[in-house]
C-alpha cells in the first residue's frame, strides 16, 4: 500500500467505466483529469481517513464505510471507502445520481 490506499477490484472496474465514459462523452483530457483528481483525492483521504461522512447504506460489507466526493470539478462522483490501519480501502467509485443503495447492494463490494 505505497500510496496509503488500496483500490479494490470492484472499485477499479468503476474507475475504468467512468474514465471510458468521460473519454467517449467528452475527451481524453477530461478522462485524464478525472483520474488525476481521483488519485489526488485518494491520497488526501488516505492521510485523513475520517474526513468523509459515514455511509448510511445498510450493507454488511459497508459497515464503517465512509463517502467523499472526488473533487469540486468531479463532485458528482463519490468515493466509498473504509479506513484501515495503513490508510484506506477504496470499495466503490460511483456517480451520485445513481440509486446508490441499489448500486452498492447489487454491485458487490470486494
PDB file of N, CA and C in Angstrom:
ATOM      1  N   UNK A   1       0.846  -1.190   0.000  1.00  0.00           N
ATOM      2  CA  UNK A   1       0.000   0.000   0.000  1.00  0.00           C
ATOM      3  C   UNK A   1       0.884   1.243   0.000  1.00  0.00           C
ATOM      4  N   UNK A   2       1.620   1.449  -1.042  1.00  0.00           N
ATOM      5  CA  UNK A   2       2.594   2.528  -1.099  1.00  0.00           C
ATOM      6  C   UNK A   2       1.971   3.915  -1.130  1.00  0.00           C
ATOM      7  N   UNK A   3       0.723   4.050  -1.597  1.00  0.00           N
ATOM      8  CA  UNK A   3       0.080   5.354  -1.673  1.00  0.00           C
ATOM      9  C   UNK A   3      -0.832   5.613  -0.482  1.00  0.00           C
ATOM     10  N   UNK A   4      -0.966   4.646   0.434  1.00  0.00           N
ATOM     11  CA  UNK A   4      -1.859   4.795   1.565  1.00  0.00           C
ATOM     12  C   UNK A   4      -3.275   4.357   1.244  1.00  0.00           C
ATOM     13  N   UNK A   5      -3.482   3.815   0.047  1.00  0.00           N
ATOM     14  CA  UNK A   5      -4.807   3.323  -0.303  1.00  0.00           C
ATOM     15  C   UNK A   5      -4.697   2.116  -1.231  1.00  0.00           C
ATOM     16  N   UNK A   6      -5.725   1.274  -1.123  1.00  0.00           N
ATOM     17  CA  UNK A   6      -5.868   0.117  -1.997  1.00  0.00           C
ATOM     18  C   UNK A   6      -7.200   0.271  -2.699  1.00  0.00           C
ATOM     19  N   UNK A   7      -7.180   0.140  -4.008  1.00  0.00           N
ATOM     20  CA  UNK A   7      -8.419   0.191  -4.783  1.00  0.00           C
ATOM     21  C   UNK A   7      -8.862  -1.248  -5.008  1.00  0.00           C
ATOM     22  N   UNK A   8      -9.959  -1.626  -4.391  1.00  0.00           N
ATOM     23  CA  UNK A   8     -10.487  -2.978  -4.504  1.00  0.00           C
ATOM     24  C   UNK A   8     -10.940  -3.249  -5.945  1.00  0.00           C
ATOM     25  N   UNK A   9     -11.010  -4.519  -6.352  1.00  0.00           N
ATOM     26  CA  UNK A   9     -11.330  -4.841  -7.750  1.00  0.00           C
ATOM     27  C   UNK A   9     -12.608  -4.210  -8.284  1.00  0.00           C
ATOM     28  N   UNK A  10     -13.682  -4.205  -7.489  1.00  0.00           N
ATOM     29  CA  UNK A  10     -14.934  -3.610  -7.988  1.00  0.00           C
ATOM     30  C   UNK A  10     -14.778  -2.111  -8.170  1.00  0.00           C
ATOM     31  N   UNK A  11     -14.075  -1.448  -7.270  1.00  0.00           N
ATOM     32  CA  UNK A  11     -13.829  -0.013  -7.408  1.00  0.00           C
ATOM     33  C   UNK A  11     -12.948   0.265  -8.622  1.00  0.00           C
ATOM     34  N   UNK A  12     -11.994  -0.606  -8.879  1.00  0.00           N
ATOM     35  CA  UNK A  12     -11.128  -0.448 -10.047  1.00  0.00           C
ATOM     36  C   UNK A  12     -11.957  -0.526 -11.337  1.00  0.00           C
ATOM     37  N   UNK A  13     -12.911  -1.441 -11.368  1.00  0.00           N
ATOM     38  CA  UNK A  13     -13.805  -1.524 -12.533  1.00  0.00           C
ATOM     39  C   UNK A  13     -14.657  -0.270 -12.645  1.00  0.00           C
ATOM     40  N   UNK A  14     -15.135   0.254 -11.499  1.00  0.00           N
ATOM     41  CA  UNK A  14     -15.897   1.507 -11.514  1.00  0.00           C
ATOM     42  C   UNK A  14     -15.081   2.621 -12.152  1.00  0.00           C
ATOM     43  N   UNK A  15     -13.834   2.756 -11.726  1.00  0.00           N
ATOM     44  CA  UNK A  15     -12.959   3.826 -12.227  1.00  0.00           C
ATOM     45  C   UNK A  15     -12.744   3.668 -13.728  1.00  0.00           C
ATOM     46  N   UNK A  16     -12.487   2.451 -14.181  1.00  0.00           N
ATOM     47  CA  UNK A  16     -12.319   2.208 -15.617  1.00  0.00           C
ATOM     48  C   UNK A  16     -13.572   2.597 -16.395  1.00  0.00           C
ATOM     49  N   UNK A  17     -14.740   2.231 -15.880  1.00  0.00           N
ATOM     50  CA  UNK A  17     -16.001   2.550 -16.557  1.00  0.00           C
ATOM     51  C   UNK A  17     -16.226   4.056 -16.617  1.00  0.00           C
ATOM     52  N   UNK A  18     -15.921   4.761 -15.537  1.00  0.00           N
ATOM     53  CA  UNK A  18     -16.096   6.214 -15.510  1.00  0.00           C
ATOM     54  C   UNK A  18     -15.131   6.877 -16.492  1.00  0.00           C
ATOM     55  N   UNK A  19     -13.875   6.477 -16.467  1.00  0.00           N
ATOM     56  CA  UNK A  19     -12.880   7.062 -17.381  1.00  0.00           C
ATOM     57  C   UNK A  19     -13.266   6.797 -18.834  1.00  0.00           C
ATOM     58  N   UNK A  20     -13.717   5.590 -19.143  1.00  0.00           N
ATOM     59  CA  UNK A  20     -14.167   5.274 -20.508  1.00  0.00           C
ATOM     60  C   UNK A  20     -15.343   6.155 -20.907  1.00  0.00           C
ATOM     61  N   UNK A  21     -16.297   6.316 -19.999  1.00  0.00           N
ATOM     62  CA  UNK A  21     -17.464   7.149 -20.269  1.00  0.00           C
ATOM     63  C   UNK A  21     -17.048   8.601 -20.539  1.00  0.00           C
ATOM     64  N   UNK A  22     -16.178   9.140 -19.697  1.00  0.00           N
ATOM     65  CA  UNK A  22     -15.735  10.521 -19.877  1.00  0.00           C
ATOM     66  C   UNK A  22     -14.961  10.691 -21.174  1.00  0.00           C
ATOM     67  N   UNK A  23     -14.173   9.697 -21.533  1.00  0.00           N
ATOM     68  CA  UNK A  23     -13.442   9.735 -22.800  1.00  0.00           C
ATOM     69  C   UNK A  23     -14.415   9.771 -23.980  1.00  0.00           C
ATOM     70  N   UNK A  24     -15.440   8.913 -23.929  1.00  0.00           N
ATOM     71  CA  UNK A  24     -16.408   8.835 -25.022  1.00  0.00           C
ATOM     72  C   UNK A  24     -17.310  10.066 -25.095  1.00  0.00           C
ATOM     73  N   UNK A  25     -17.749  10.554 -23.943  1.00  0.00           N
ATOM     74  CA  UNK A  25     -18.700  11.664 -23.912  1.00  0.00           C
ATOM     75  C   UNK A  25     -18.042  13.040 -23.986  1.00  0.00           C
ATOM     76  N   UNK A  26     -16.804  13.132 -23.524  1.00  0.00           N
ATOM     77  CA  UNK A  26     -16.101  14.423 -23.531  1.00  0.00           C
ATOM     78  C   UNK A  26     -14.846  14.270 -24.393  1.00  0.00           C
ATOM     79  N   UNK A  27     -13.738  13.918 -23.749  1.00  0.00           N
ATOM     80  CA  UNK A  27     -12.495  13.718 -24.495  1.00  0.00           C
ATOM     81  C   UNK A  27     -11.440  13.086 -23.591  1.00  0.00           C
ATOM     82  N   UNK A  28     -10.312  12.798 -24.173  1.00  0.00           N
ATOM     83  CA  UNK A  28      -9.214  12.159 -23.450  1.00  0.00           C
ATOM     84  C   UNK A  28      -8.763  13.001 -22.260  1.00  0.00           C
ATOM     85  N   UNK A  29      -8.638  14.315 -22.460  1.00  0.00           N
ATOM     86  CA  UNK A  29      -8.144  15.184 -21.385  1.00  0.00           C
ATOM     87  C   UNK A  29      -9.075  15.193 -20.177  1.00  0.00           C
ATOM     88  N   UNK A  30     -10.385  15.144 -20.418  1.00  0.00           N
ATOM     89  CA  UNK A  30     -11.337  15.099 -19.305  1.00  0.00           C
ATOM     90  C   UNK A  30     -11.184  13.797 -18.529  1.00  0.00           C
ATOM     91  N   UNK A  31     -11.057  12.686 -19.246  1.00  0.00           N
ATOM     92  CA  UNK A  31     -10.865  11.395 -18.585  1.00  0.00           C
ATOM     93  C   UNK A  31      -9.569  11.389 -17.783  1.00  0.00           C
ATOM     94  N   UNK A  32      -8.517  11.945 -18.355  1.00  0.00           N
ATOM     95  CA  UNK A  32      -7.231  12.012 -17.658  1.00  0.00           C
ATOM     96  C   UNK A  32      -7.317  12.904 -16.426  1.00  0.00           C
ATOM     97  N   UNK A  33      -7.989  14.049 -16.530  1.00  0.00           N
ATOM     98  CA  UNK A  33      -8.166  14.932 -15.363  1.00  0.00           C
ATOM     99  C   UNK A  33      -8.929  14.223 -14.255  1.00  0.00           C
ATOM    100  N   UNK A  34      -9.960  13.457 -14.637  1.00  0.00           N
ATOM    101  CA  UNK A  34     -10.707  12.697 -13.634  1.00  0.00           C
ATOM    102  C   UNK A  34      -9.769  11.758 -12.879  1.00  0.00           C
ATOM    103  N   UNK A  35      -8.967  11.009 -13.606  1.00  0.00           N
ATOM    104  CA  UNK A  35      -8.047  10.053 -12.967  1.00  0.00           C
ATOM    105  C   UNK A  35      -7.036  10.762 -12.073  1.00  0.00           C
ATOM    106  N   UNK A  36      -6.511  11.887 -12.531  1.00  0.00           N
ATOM    107  CA  UNK A  36      -5.552  12.647 -11.723  1.00  0.00           C
ATOM    108  C   UNK A  36      -6.197  13.166 -10.452  1.00  0.00           C
ATOM    109  N   UNK A  37      -7.391  13.742 -10.575  1.00  0.00           N
ATOM    110  CA  UNK A  37      -8.078  14.287  -9.403  1.00  0.00           C
ATOM    111  C   UNK A  37      -8.523  13.178  -8.455  1.00  0.00           C
ATOM    112  N   UNK A  38      -8.926  12.052  -9.004  1.00  0.00           N
ATOM    113  CA  UNK A  38      -9.295  10.919  -8.166  1.00  0.00           C
ATOM    114  C   UNK A  38      -8.110  10.481  -7.316  1.00  0.00           C
ATOM    115  N   UNK A  39      -6.962  10.282  -7.931  1.00  0.00           N
ATOM    116  CA  UNK A  39      -5.795   9.807  -7.181  1.00  0.00           C
ATOM    117  C   UNK A  39      -5.281  10.861  -6.196  1.00  0.00           C
ATOM    118  N   UNK A  40      -5.403  12.127  -6.538  1.00  0.00           N
ATOM    119  CA  UNK A  40      -5.038  13.198  -5.607  1.00  0.00           C
ATOM    120  C   UNK A  40      -5.963  13.168  -4.388  1.00  0.00           C
ATOM    121  N   UNK A  41      -7.266  12.976  -4.623  1.00  0.00           N
ATOM    122  CA  UNK A  41      -8.233  12.916  -3.529  1.00  0.00           C
ATOM    123  C   UNK A  41      -8.033  11.659  -2.690  1.00  0.00           C
ATOM    124  N   UNK A  42      -7.728  10.546  -3.330  1.00  0.00           N
ATOM    125  CA  UNK A  42      -7.469   9.315  -2.576  1.00  0.00           C
ATOM    126  C   UNK A  42      -6.272   9.485  -1.646  1.00  0.00           C
ATOM    127  N   UNK A  43      -5.234  10.147  -2.110  1.00  0.00           N
ATOM    128  CA  UNK A  43      -4.062  10.396  -1.255  1.00  0.00           C
ATOM    129  C   UNK A  43      -4.446  11.297  -0.080  1.00  0.00           C
ATOM    130  N   UNK A  44      -5.281  12.310  -0.338  1.00  0.00           N
ATOM    131  CA  UNK A  44      -5.742  13.205   0.727  1.00  0.00           C
ATOM    132  C   UNK A  44      -6.560  12.434   1.757  1.00  0.00           C
ATOM    133  N   UNK A  45      -7.487  11.612   1.288  1.00  0.00           N
ATOM    134  CA  UNK A  45      -8.322  10.827   2.200  1.00  0.00           C
ATOM    135  C   UNK A  45      -7.468   9.827   2.981  1.00  0.00           C
ATOM    136  N   UNK A  46      -6.509   9.206   2.315  1.00  0.00           N
ATOM    137  CA  UNK A  46      -5.646   8.228   2.999  1.00  0.00           C
ATOM    138  C   UNK A  46      -4.894   8.881   4.149  1.00  0.00           C
ATOM    139  N   UNK A  47      -4.527  10.142   3.985  1.00  0.00           N
ATOM    140  CA  UNK A  47      -3.829  10.866   5.046  1.00  0.00           C
ATOM    141  C   UNK A  47      -4.794  11.346   6.136  1.00  0.00           C
ATOM    142  N   UNK A  48      -6.085  11.433   5.800  1.00  0.00           N
ATOM    143  CA  UNK A  48      -7.116  11.924   6.725  1.00  0.00           C
ATOM    144  C   UNK A  48      -8.360  11.043   6.594  1.00  0.00           C
ATOM    145  N   UNK A  49      -8.285   9.773   6.972  1.00  0.00           N
ATOM    146  CA  UNK A  49      -9.360   8.827   6.671  1.00  0.00           C
ATOM    147  C   UNK A  49     -10.722   9.150   7.271  1.00  0.00           C
ATOM    148  N   UNK A  50     -10.773   9.951   8.295  1.00  0.00           N
ATOM    149  CA  UNK A  50     -12.060  10.259   8.931  1.00  0.00           C
ATOM    150  C   UNK A  50     -12.766  11.441   8.272  1.00  0.00           C
ATOM    151  N   UNK A  51     -12.207  12.010   7.220  1.00  0.00           N
ATOM    152  CA  UNK A  51     -12.788  13.225   6.642  1.00  0.00           C
ATOM    153  C   UNK A  51     -14.107  12.983   5.905  1.00  0.00           C
ATOM    154  N   UNK A  52     -14.341  11.802   5.404  1.00  0.00           N
ATOM    155  CA  UNK A  52     -15.599  11.519   4.732  1.00  0.00           C
ATOM    156  C   UNK A  52     -16.710  11.289   5.736  1.00  0.00           C
ATOM    157  N   UNK A  53     -17.941  11.396   5.264  1.00  0.00           N
ATOM    158  CA  UNK A  53     -19.076  11.133   6.157  1.00  0.00           C
ATOM    159  C   UNK A  53     -19.386   9.648   6.139  1.00  0.00           C
ATOM    160  N   UNK A  54     -19.949   9.160   7.221  1.00  0.00           N
ATOM    161  CA  UNK A  54     -20.315   7.749   7.297  1.00  0.00           C
ATOM    162  C   UNK A  54     -21.361   7.414   6.253  1.00  0.00           C
ATOM    163  N   UNK A  55     -21.180   6.289   5.593  1.00  0.00           N
ATOM    164  CA  UNK A  55     -22.116   5.796   4.587  1.00  0.00           C
ATOM    165  C   UNK A  55     -23.316   5.212   5.306  1.00  0.00           C
ATOM    166  N   UNK A  56     -24.517   5.560   4.863  1.00  0.00           N
ATOM    167  CA  UNK A  56     -25.717   5.100   5.554  1.00  0.00           C
ATOM    168  C   UNK A  56     -26.444   3.988   4.813  1.00  0.00           C
ATOM    169  N   UNK A  57     -25.776   3.334   3.870  1.00  0.00           N
ATOM    170  CA  UNK A  57     -26.401   2.232   3.148  1.00  0.00           C
ATOM    171  C   UNK A  57     -26.254   0.962   3.981  1.00  0.00           C
ATOM    172  N   UNK A  58     -27.372   0.308   4.316  1.00  0.00           N
ATOM    173  CA  UNK A  58     -27.291  -0.905   5.136  1.00  0.00           C
ATOM    174  C   UNK A  58     -26.788  -2.098   4.317  1.00  0.00           C
ATOM    175  N   UNK A  59     -25.536  -2.368   4.420  1.00  0.00           N
ATOM    176  CA  UNK A  59     -24.908  -3.489   3.721  1.00  0.00           C
ATOM    177  C   UNK A  59     -23.778  -3.970   4.611  1.00  0.00           C
ATOM    178  N   UNK A  60     -23.708  -5.258   4.915  1.00  0.00           N
ATOM    179  CA  UNK A  60     -22.696  -5.748   5.860  1.00  0.00           C
ATOM    180  C   UNK A  60     -21.257  -5.412   5.450  1.00  0.00           C
ATOM    181  N   UNK A  61     -20.978  -5.383   4.160  1.00  0.00           N
ATOM    182  CA  UNK A  61     -19.614  -5.083   3.714  1.00  0.00           C
ATOM    183  C   UNK A  61     -19.318  -3.587   3.728  1.00  0.00           C
ATOM    184  N   UNK A  62     -20.338  -2.773   4.028  1.00  0.00           N
ATOM    185  CA  UNK A  62     -20.133  -1.327   4.096  1.00  0.00           C
ATOM    186  C   UNK A  62     -20.137  -0.821   5.535  1.00  0.00           C
ATOM    187  N   UNK A  63     -20.069  -1.725   6.492  1.00  0.00           N
ATOM    188  CA  UNK A  63     -20.003  -1.306   7.897  1.00  0.00           C
ATOM    189  C   UNK A  63     -18.773  -0.428   8.085  1.00  0.00           C
ATOM    190  N   UNK A  64     -18.962   0.706   8.681  1.00  0.00           N
ATOM    191  CA  UNK A  64     -17.909   1.691   8.955  1.00  0.00           C
ATOM    192  C   UNK A  64     -17.347   2.329   7.688  1.00  0.00           C
ATOM    193  N   UNK A  65     -18.015   2.145   6.551  1.00  0.00           N
ATOM    194  CA  UNK A  65     -17.557   2.783   5.311  1.00  0.00           C
ATOM    195  C   UNK A  65     -17.893   4.270   5.346  1.00  0.00           C
ATOM    196  N   UNK A  66     -17.106   5.029   4.615  1.00  0.00           N
ATOM    197  CA  UNK A  66     -17.290   6.470   4.507  1.00  0.00           C
ATOM    198  C   UNK A  66     -17.408   6.846   3.044  1.00  0.00           C
ATOM    199  N   UNK A  67     -17.883   8.064   2.791  1.00  0.00           N
ATOM    200  CA  UNK A  67     -18.049   8.546   1.421  1.00  0.00           C
ATOM    201  C   UNK A  67     -17.499   9.966   1.326  1.00  0.00           C
ATOM    202  N   UNK A  68     -16.857  10.262   0.177  1.00  0.00           N
ATOM    203  CA  UNK A  68     -16.271  11.581  -0.058  1.00  0.00           C
ATOM    204  C   UNK A  68     -16.300  11.843  -1.567  1.00  0.00           C
ATOM    205  N   UNK A  69     -16.491  13.089  -1.951  1.00  0.00           N
ATOM    206  CA  UNK A  69     -16.524  13.453  -3.378  1.00  0.00           C
ATOM    207  C   UNK A  69     -15.120  13.436  -3.976  1.00  0.00           C
ATOM    208  N   UNK A  70     -15.051  13.124  -5.280  1.00  0.00           N
ATOM    209  CA  UNK A  70     -13.745  13.067  -5.953  1.00  0.00           C
ATOM    210  C   UNK A  70     -13.061  14.421  -5.908  1.00  0.00           C
ATOM    211  N   UNK A  71     -13.760  15.487  -6.315  1.00  0.00           N
ATOM    212  CA  UNK A  71     -13.190  16.839  -6.310  1.00  0.00           C
ATOM    213  C   UNK A  71     -14.307  17.817  -6.640  1.00  0.00           C
ATOM    214  N   UNK A  72     -14.012  19.100  -6.601  1.00  0.00           N
ATOM    215  CA  UNK A  72     -15.022  20.095  -6.956  1.00  0.00           C
ATOM    216  C   UNK A  72     -15.427  19.933  -8.423  1.00  0.00           C
ATOM    217  N   UNK A  73     -14.470  19.687  -9.289  1.00  0.00           N
ATOM    218  CA  UNK A  73     -14.753  19.537 -10.727  1.00  0.00           C
ATOM    219  C   UNK A  73     -15.564  18.269 -11.007  1.00  0.00           C
ATOM    220  N   UNK A  74     -15.308  17.216 -10.273  1.00  0.00           N
ATOM    221  CA  UNK A  74     -15.999  15.937 -10.460  1.00  0.00           C
ATOM    222  C   UNK A  74     -16.814  15.602  -9.212  1.00  0.00           C
ATOM    223  N   UNK A  75     -17.546  16.580  -8.715  1.00  0.00           N
ATOM    224  CA  UNK A  75     -18.284  16.447  -7.459  1.00  0.00           C
ATOM    225  C   UNK A  75     -19.407  15.413  -7.537  1.00  0.00           C
ATOM    226  N   UNK A  76     -19.855  15.079  -8.721  1.00  0.00           N
ATOM    227  CA  UNK A  76     -20.928  14.091  -8.855  1.00  0.00           C
ATOM    228  C   UNK A  76     -20.437  12.674  -8.576  1.00  0.00           C
ATOM    229  N   UNK A  77     -19.125  12.478  -8.595  1.00  0.00           N
ATOM    230  CA  UNK A  77     -18.568  11.147  -8.374  1.00  0.00           C
ATOM    231  C   UNK A  77     -18.173  10.973  -6.911  1.00  0.00           C
ATOM    232  N   UNK A  78     -18.610   9.850  -6.339  1.00  0.00           N
ATOM    233  CA  UNK A  78     -18.412   9.596  -4.914  1.00  0.00           C
ATOM    234  C   UNK A  78     -17.477   8.417  -4.705  1.00  0.00           C
ATOM    235  N   UNK A  79     -16.586   8.571  -3.733  1.00  0.00           N
ATOM    236  CA  UNK A  79     -15.651   7.517  -3.344  1.00  0.00           C
ATOM    237  C   UNK A  79     -16.191   6.885  -2.066  1.00  0.00           C
ATOM    238  N   UNK A  80     -16.413   5.589  -2.092  1.00  0.00           N
ATOM    239  CA  UNK A  80     -16.825   4.847  -0.912  1.00  0.00           C
ATOM    240  C   UNK A  80     -15.606   4.084  -0.427  1.00  0.00           C
ATOM    241  N   UNK A  81     -15.243   4.299   0.821  1.00  0.00           N
ATOM    242  CA  UNK A  81     -14.004   3.711   1.334  1.00  0.00           C
ATOM    243  C   UNK A  81     -14.153   3.328   2.791  1.00  0.00           C
ATOM    244  N   UNK A  82     -13.218   2.504   3.230  1.00  0.00           N
ATOM    245  CA  UNK A  82     -13.175   2.095   4.628  1.00  0.00           C
ATOM    246  C   UNK A  82     -11.790   2.431   5.179  1.00  0.00           C
ATOM    247  N   UNK A  83     -11.726   3.177   6.288  1.00  0.00           N
ATOM    248  CA  UNK A  83     -10.426   3.419   6.919  1.00  0.00           C
ATOM    249  C   UNK A  83      -9.818   2.109   7.419  1.00  0.00           C
ATOM    250  N   UNK A  84      -8.542   1.931   7.200  1.00  0.00           N
ATOM    251  CA  UNK A  84      -7.788   0.782   7.711  1.00  0.00           C
ATOM    252  C   UNK A  84      -6.514   1.331   8.344  1.00  0.00           C
ATOM    253  N   UNK A  85      -5.780   0.486   9.038  1.00  0.00           N
ATOM    254  CA  UNK A  85      -4.609   0.965   9.774  1.00  0.00           C
ATOM    255  C   UNK A  85      -3.558   1.608   8.871  1.00  0.00           C
ATOM    256  N   UNK A  86      -3.463   1.178   7.628  1.00  0.00           N
ATOM    257  CA  UNK A  86      -2.439   1.709   6.721  1.00  0.00           C
ATOM    258  C   UNK A  86      -2.944   2.854   5.848  1.00  0.00           C
ATOM    259  N   UNK A  87      -4.226   3.235   5.973  1.00  0.00           N
ATOM    260  CA  UNK A  87      -4.796   4.285   5.116  1.00  0.00           C
ATOM    261  C   UNK A  87      -6.255   3.999   4.844  1.00  0.00           C
ATOM    262  N   UNK A  88      -6.590   3.680   3.575  1.00  0.00           N
ATOM    263  CA  UNK A  88      -7.981   3.385   3.228  1.00  0.00           C
ATOM    264  C   UNK A  88      -8.062   2.258   2.195  1.00  0.00           C
ATOM    265  N   UNK A  89      -9.173   1.542   2.252  1.00  0.00           N
ATOM    266  CA  UNK A  89      -9.561   0.589   1.215  1.00  0.00           C
ATOM    267  C   UNK A  89     -10.673   1.260   0.421  1.00  0.00           C
ATOM    268  N   UNK A  90     -10.476   1.420  -0.871  1.00  0.00           N
ATOM    269  CA  UNK A  90     -11.483   2.030  -1.733  1.00  0.00           C
ATOM    270  C   UNK A  90     -12.407   0.912  -2.203  1.00  0.00           C
ATOM    271  N   UNK A  91     -13.681   1.026  -1.828  1.00  0.00           N
ATOM    272  CA  UNK A  91     -14.649  -0.032  -2.090  1.00  0.00           C
ATOM    273  C   UNK A  91     -15.398   0.161  -3.401  1.00  0.00           C
ATOM    274  N   UNK A  92     -15.820   1.391  -3.676  1.00  0.00           N
ATOM    275  CA  UNK A  92     -16.555   1.713  -4.902  1.00  0.00           C
ATOM    276  C   UNK A  92     -16.302   3.172  -5.247  1.00  0.00           C
ATOM    277  N   UNK A  93     -16.477   3.511  -6.523  1.00  0.00           N
ATOM    278  CA  UNK A  93     -16.493   4.889  -7.006  1.00  0.00           C
ATOM    279  C   UNK A  93     -17.703   4.967  -7.927  1.00  0.00           C
ATOM    280  N   UNK A  94     -18.696   5.787  -7.545  1.00  0.00           N
ATOM    281  CA  UNK A  94     -19.969   5.819  -8.259  1.00  0.00           C
ATOM    282  C   UNK A  94     -20.432   7.242  -8.516  1.00  0.00           C
ATOM    283  N   UNK A  95     -21.217   7.402  -9.563  1.00  0.00           N
ATOM    284  CA  UNK A  95     -21.850   8.690  -9.829  1.00  0.00           C
ATOM    285  C   UNK A  95     -22.995   8.861  -8.844  1.00  0.00           C
ATOM    286  N   UNK A  96     -23.087  10.015  -8.248  1.00  0.00           N
ATOM    287  CA  UNK A  96     -24.081  10.266  -7.209  1.00  0.00           C
ATOM    288  C   UNK A  96     -25.518  10.248  -7.685  1.00  0.00           C
ATOM    289  N   UNK A  97     -25.758  10.346  -8.996  1.00  0.00           N
ATOM    290  CA  UNK A  97     -27.135  10.329  -9.481  1.00  0.00           C
ATOM    291  C   UNK A  97     -27.703   8.911  -9.566  1.00  0.00           C
ATOM    292  N   UNK A  98     -26.846   7.926  -9.388  1.00  0.00           N
ATOM    293  CA  UNK A  98     -27.324   6.540  -9.402  1.00  0.00           C
ATOM    294  C   UNK A  98     -28.128   6.259  -8.137  1.00  0.00           C
ATOM    295  N   UNK A  99     -28.960   5.271  -8.187  1.00  0.00           N
ATOM    296  CA  UNK A  99     -29.659   4.796  -6.995  1.00  0.00           C
ATOM    297  C   UNK A  99     -28.590   4.066  -6.190  1.00  0.00           C
ATOM    298  N   UNK A 100     -27.974   4.777  -5.264  1.00  0.00           N
ATOM    299  CA  UNK A 100     -26.786   4.269  -4.581  1.00  0.00           C
ATOM    300  C   UNK A 100     -27.058   3.010  -3.768  1.00  0.00           C
ATOM    301  N   UNK A 101     -28.182   2.968  -3.097  1.00  0.00           N
ATOM    302  CA  UNK A 101     -28.483   1.783  -2.287  1.00  0.00           C
ATOM    303  C   UNK A 101     -28.508   0.539  -3.170  1.00  0.00           C
ATOM    304  N   UNK A 102     -29.149   0.641  -4.317  1.00  0.00           N
ATOM    305  CA  UNK A 102     -29.221  -0.485  -5.250  1.00  0.00           C
ATOM    306  C   UNK A 102     -27.849  -0.797  -5.825  1.00  0.00           C
ATOM    307  N   UNK A 103     -27.127   0.229  -6.262  1.00  0.00           N
ATOM    308  CA  UNK A 103     -25.809   0.018  -6.863  1.00  0.00           C
ATOM    309  C   UNK A 103     -24.841  -0.621  -5.876  1.00  0.00           C
ATOM    310  N   UNK A 104     -24.886  -0.174  -4.648  1.00  0.00           N
ATOM    311  CA  UNK A 104     -23.977  -0.730  -3.649  1.00  0.00           C
ATOM    312  C   UNK A 104     -24.370  -2.141  -3.242  1.00  0.00           C
ATOM    313  N   UNK A 105     -25.655  -2.421  -3.189  1.00  0.00           N
ATOM    314  CA  UNK A 105     -26.100  -3.771  -2.834  1.00  0.00           C
ATOM    315  C   UNK A 105     -25.939  -4.730  -4.006  1.00  0.00           C
ATOM    316  N   UNK A 106     -26.288  -4.298  -5.210  1.00  0.00           N
ATOM    317  CA  UNK A 106     -26.216  -5.172  -6.385  1.00  0.00           C
ATOM    318  C   UNK A 106     -24.793  -5.324  -6.898  1.00  0.00           C
ATOM    319  N   UNK A 107     -24.015  -4.248  -6.805  1.00  0.00           N
ATOM    320  CA  UNK A 107     -22.695  -4.237  -7.416  1.00  0.00           C
ATOM    321  C   UNK A 107     -21.619  -4.884  -6.600  1.00  0.00           C
ATOM    322  N   UNK A 108     -21.966  -5.409  -5.479  1.00  0.00           N
ATOM    323  CA  UNK A 108     -20.989  -6.080  -4.595  1.00  0.00           C
ATOM    324  C   UNK A 108     -19.866  -5.147  -4.194  1.00  0.00           C
ATOM    325  N   UNK A 109     -19.262  -5.510  -3.147  1.00  0.00           N
ATOM    326  CA  UNK A 109     -18.103  -4.785  -2.629  1.00  0.00           C
ATOM    327  C   UNK A 109     -17.076  -5.862  -2.324  1.00  0.00           C
ATOM    328  N   UNK A 110     -15.922  -5.765  -2.973  1.00  0.00           N
ATOM    329  CA  UNK A 110     -14.916  -6.796  -2.715  1.00  0.00           C
ATOM    330  C   UNK A 110     -13.622  -6.177  -2.216  1.00  0.00           C
TER     331      UNK A 110
END
